[in-house]
Protein backbone atom coordinates (compact mmCIF):
# COMPACT_ATOMS: atom_id res chain seq x y z
CA MET A 1 3.34 -24.68 8.80
CA PRO A 2 5.00 -24.72 12.02
CA GLU A 3 3.46 -23.95 15.36
CA ASN A 4 4.38 -23.42 19.20
CA SER A 5 1.84 -22.79 21.86
CA ASP A 6 4.36 -21.52 24.80
CA PRO A 7 7.47 -24.07 23.47
CA GLN A 8 10.16 -24.73 25.56
CA SER A 9 12.82 -22.05 23.48
CA ASP A 10 16.47 -21.04 24.51
CA GLY A 11 16.06 -17.97 21.85
CA GLU A 12 19.20 -18.32 20.57
CA GLN A 13 20.11 -17.63 17.04
CA SER A 14 23.24 -16.34 14.86
CA GLU A 15 23.95 -12.90 13.64
CA GLY A 16 21.89 -12.74 10.61
CA GLU A 17 19.71 -16.04 11.21
CA GLN A 18 15.83 -15.62 11.16
CA PRO A 19 14.82 -15.41 14.53
CA ARG A 20 13.21 -19.01 15.61
CA SER A 21 9.75 -17.63 16.85
CA VAL A 22 7.35 -14.40 16.74
CA ARG A 23 5.40 -14.51 19.96
CA LEU A 24 1.30 -13.44 19.55
CA THR A 25 -0.07 -11.52 22.87
CA ASP A 26 -2.18 -9.38 21.14
CA PRO A 27 -5.90 -10.59 21.32
CA ARG A 28 -6.54 -8.64 17.96
CA ALA A 29 -3.04 -10.47 16.77
CA LEU A 30 -4.16 -13.80 17.78
CA ARG A 31 -7.67 -13.76 16.22
CA ALA A 32 -6.46 -12.24 12.70
CA TYR A 33 -3.86 -15.30 12.83
CA ALA A 34 -6.86 -17.66 13.30
CA HIS A 35 -8.20 -16.85 9.67
CA PRO A 36 -7.57 -19.82 7.44
CA LEU A 37 -5.60 -18.32 4.70
CA ARG A 38 -3.49 -16.05 6.80
CA MET A 39 -2.22 -19.42 8.74
CA THR A 40 -1.52 -20.39 4.96
CA LEU A 41 0.18 -17.92 3.99
CA VAL A 42 2.46 -17.69 6.73
CA GLY A 43 2.92 -20.97 5.95
CA LEU A 44 3.64 -20.95 2.66
CA LEU A 45 6.19 -18.10 3.26
CA ARG A 46 8.29 -20.48 5.77
CA THR A 47 8.46 -23.18 3.65
CA ASN A 48 8.64 -21.51 0.14
CA GLY A 49 9.24 -18.12 0.73
CA PRO A 50 10.25 -15.01 -0.08
CA PHE A 51 7.19 -14.64 -2.86
CA THR A 52 4.80 -11.88 -4.04
CA ALA A 53 0.79 -11.59 -3.74
CA THR A 54 0.68 -12.51 -7.38
CA ARG A 55 2.77 -16.01 -6.61
CA ALA A 56 0.89 -16.10 -3.12
CA ALA A 57 -2.58 -16.42 -5.60
CA GLU A 58 -1.30 -18.85 -7.77
CA LEU A 59 -0.30 -21.03 -4.37
CA THR A 60 -3.08 -20.54 -2.60
CA GLY A 61 -6.35 -20.35 -5.41
CA GLU A 62 -7.18 -17.41 -3.89
CA SER A 63 -7.13 -13.60 -5.99
CA VAL A 64 -4.36 -11.49 -6.19
CA ALA A 65 -6.16 -8.81 -4.21
CA SER A 66 -6.96 -11.45 -1.56
CA CYS A 67 -3.58 -12.59 -0.91
CA SER A 68 -2.43 -9.00 -0.87
CA TYR A 69 -5.31 -7.18 1.28
CA HIS A 70 -4.26 -10.60 3.88
CA LEU A 71 -0.43 -10.33 3.39
CA ARG A 72 -0.93 -6.20 5.05
CA ILE A 73 -2.66 -7.68 8.20
CA LEU A 74 0.03 -10.42 8.63
CA ALA A 75 2.52 -7.79 8.61
CA LYS A 76 0.58 -5.26 10.84
CA TYR A 77 1.22 -7.87 13.41
CA GLY A 78 4.08 -8.85 12.54
CA LEU A 79 4.05 -12.27 11.18
CA VAL A 80 5.75 -11.15 7.34
CA GLU A 81 7.50 -8.52 6.17
CA GLN A 82 8.54 -7.17 2.70
CA ALA A 83 11.82 -8.81 1.08
CA PRO A 84 14.25 -6.92 -0.45
CA GLY A 85 13.97 -6.91 -4.18
CA GLY A 86 10.47 -6.82 -6.55
CA LYS A 87 9.39 -4.29 -9.29
CA GLY A 88 7.23 -1.70 -8.89
CA ARG A 89 4.15 -2.70 -7.02
CA GLU A 90 5.06 -6.40 -7.08
CA LYS A 91 7.25 -6.62 -3.55
CA PRO A 92 8.02 -9.67 -2.34
CA TRP A 93 6.93 -11.12 1.62
CA ARG A 94 8.78 -13.10 3.96
CA ALA A 95 7.92 -14.57 7.39
CA THR A 96 9.68 -13.14 10.17
CA ALA A 97 10.12 -16.19 11.78
CA ARG A 98 9.99 -20.11 11.67
CA TYR A 99 6.99 -20.66 14.58
CA THR A 100 4.53 -19.21 15.88
CA GLU A 101 4.04 -18.91 19.99
CA TRP A 102 0.98 -17.30 21.81
CA PRO A 103 0.35 -17.94 25.49
CA GLU A 104 -1.67 -21.35 26.43
CA TYR A 105 -2.32 -19.58 29.91
CA SER A 106 -3.28 -15.75 30.52
CA GLU A 107 -4.86 -13.85 33.55
CA ASP A 108 -6.31 -11.47 30.52
CA PRO A 109 -10.19 -12.99 29.82
CA ALA A 110 -9.46 -11.64 26.29
CA VAL A 111 -5.80 -12.60 25.66
CA ALA A 112 -7.25 -16.46 26.77
CA GLU A 113 -10.20 -16.11 25.11
CA ALA A 114 -8.59 -15.40 21.85
CA ALA A 115 -5.72 -17.75 22.20
CA ASP A 116 -8.54 -20.55 22.76
CA VAL A 117 -10.03 -19.51 18.92
CA LEU A 118 -6.08 -19.53 17.69
CA GLY A 119 -5.28 -23.15 19.19
CA SER A 120 -8.61 -24.59 17.91
CA ALA A 121 -8.22 -23.15 14.30
CA ILE A 122 -4.93 -24.83 14.08
CA ALA A 123 -5.88 -28.24 15.26
CA GLU A 124 -7.86 -27.92 13.22
CA ARG A 125 -6.24 -27.34 10.08
CA TYR A 126 -3.48 -29.72 11.79
CA PHE A 127 -6.01 -32.65 11.52
CA GLU A 128 -7.19 -31.46 8.25
CA ARG A 129 -3.57 -31.99 6.63
CA VAL A 130 -2.75 -34.92 8.55
CA THR A 131 -6.15 -36.43 6.59
CA ARG A 132 -5.17 -35.53 3.52
CA ALA A 133 -1.76 -37.00 3.87
CA ARG A 134 -3.47 -40.50 5.61
CA GLU A 135 -5.26 -40.36 1.85
CA ASN A 136 -2.50 -39.56 -0.66
CA ARG A 137 0.09 -42.00 1.38
CA ARG A 138 -0.60 -44.66 -0.57
CA TRP A 139 1.61 -42.88 -3.30
CA LEU A 140 4.42 -43.03 -1.10
CA SER A 141 7.35 -45.12 -1.55
CA LYS A 142 7.50 -48.18 0.43
CA GLU A 143 10.64 -46.63 2.92
CA TRP A 144 8.29 -43.42 3.13
CA ARG A 145 5.17 -45.19 4.28
CA GLN A 146 7.65 -47.45 6.77
CA ALA A 147 9.32 -44.85 8.23
CA GLU A 148 5.86 -42.87 8.69
CA GLN A 149 4.40 -42.74 12.29
CA PHE A 150 0.49 -42.39 13.28
CA GLY A 151 -0.73 -43.73 16.68
CA ASP A 152 -1.07 -42.44 20.27
CA THR A 153 -0.36 -43.34 23.70
CA MET A 154 -1.47 -42.94 27.27
CA LEU A 155 0.85 -41.95 30.03
CA HIS A 156 0.24 -40.97 33.65
CA LEU A 157 2.27 -37.90 34.35
CA THR A 158 2.18 -34.56 36.33
CA PRO A 159 1.71 -31.06 34.80
CA GLU A 160 5.50 -30.31 35.79
CA GLU A 161 6.57 -34.03 34.19
CA LEU A 162 4.63 -33.59 30.99
CA THR A 163 6.33 -30.07 30.38
CA ALA A 164 9.62 -31.35 30.60
CA LEU A 165 8.77 -34.19 28.17
CA GLY A 166 7.64 -31.64 25.66
CA ALA A 167 11.36 -29.89 26.84
CA ARG A 168 12.90 -33.14 25.69
CA ILE A 169 11.25 -33.77 22.65
CA ASP A 170 12.50 -29.93 21.36
CA GLU A 171 15.61 -31.08 22.62
CA LEU A 172 15.78 -33.96 20.39
CA MET A 173 14.28 -32.33 17.07
CA ARG A 174 16.53 -29.43 17.41
CA PRO A 175 19.47 -30.27 15.74
CA TYR A 176 17.16 -30.78 12.02
CA GLU A 177 15.29 -27.41 12.70
CA ALA A 178 18.92 -25.24 10.60
CA ARG A 179 18.11 -27.82 7.52
CA ALA A 180 14.74 -25.88 6.62
CA ALA A 181 16.95 -22.58 6.17
CA ASP A 182 20.06 -23.84 4.64
CA ALA A 183 19.52 -26.80 1.95
CA SER A 184 23.55 -27.31 2.02
CA LEU A 185 22.62 -29.41 5.85
CA ARG A 186 20.06 -31.63 3.92
CA PRO A 187 21.25 -35.22 3.12
CA GLU A 188 20.31 -36.82 0.22
CA GLY A 189 16.67 -38.15 0.51
CA SER A 190 15.49 -35.84 2.91
CA ARG A 191 12.08 -34.28 2.67
CA PRO A 192 9.79 -31.81 4.36
CA VAL A 193 8.15 -34.14 7.27
CA SER A 194 5.87 -32.41 9.11
CA ILE A 195 5.73 -33.52 12.95
CA VAL A 196 2.60 -32.82 15.02
CA ARG A 197 2.54 -32.85 19.20
CA ILE A 198 -0.45 -32.68 21.17
CA ALA A 199 -0.36 -33.74 24.57
CA TYR A 200 -4.00 -33.24 26.70
CA LEU A 201 -5.42 -33.87 29.93
CA ASP A 202 -8.21 -36.73 28.50
CA GLN A 203 -11.10 -35.65 30.10
CA GLU A 204 -13.22 -38.55 28.26
CA VAL A 205 -11.56 -40.83 30.54
CA PRO A 206 -13.84 -41.74 33.61
CA GLY A 207 -13.02 -39.57 36.80
CA ASN A 208 -11.21 -37.64 34.57
CA GLY A 209 -12.66 -34.34 34.07
CA ALA A 210 -10.65 -30.80 34.03
CA GLU A 211 -9.82 -29.43 37.63
């Protein structure tokens, strides 16, 4: 489920192309999105949508009524929308963008608090998914096991350098993003790969507390 807090985005898109990101700044929207099932639904719509509430129930194990309710909440805050097609009440839903943005800093205490709640919920979700991937990697081929990356690096950076490093990483990954929406661009043997980027001031290092 791609997410970005304040990514370095140029905002460009081709006519008719799905927007790259939707930005949440309303505290109510930020808190609404922090719900685990809602994050799951948006993620599934981005990778497997469009689909109906009935299909959402099949994919998540939740009831159709519950999925329908949460999809309507997501639509209220602009994260999903009804897609063309469907019959009767079985209307398909689709994600409105490939990524979600939210502010990492705000002068508004309500926004700052809600953004922190969302960030923590997404971090928990990241590590749950990483843990499952590590537990199941024994079923992968030798090539994929060797290609996967797992580790960390300690760097001494200024805030400006860290921001610039993030922009450079974004630039490296951007050419591959179009493959998510266009299967014809995917080379033979390619598969969905989640890349989790987390860079933070390590306050557990002695003398490195928050300023």
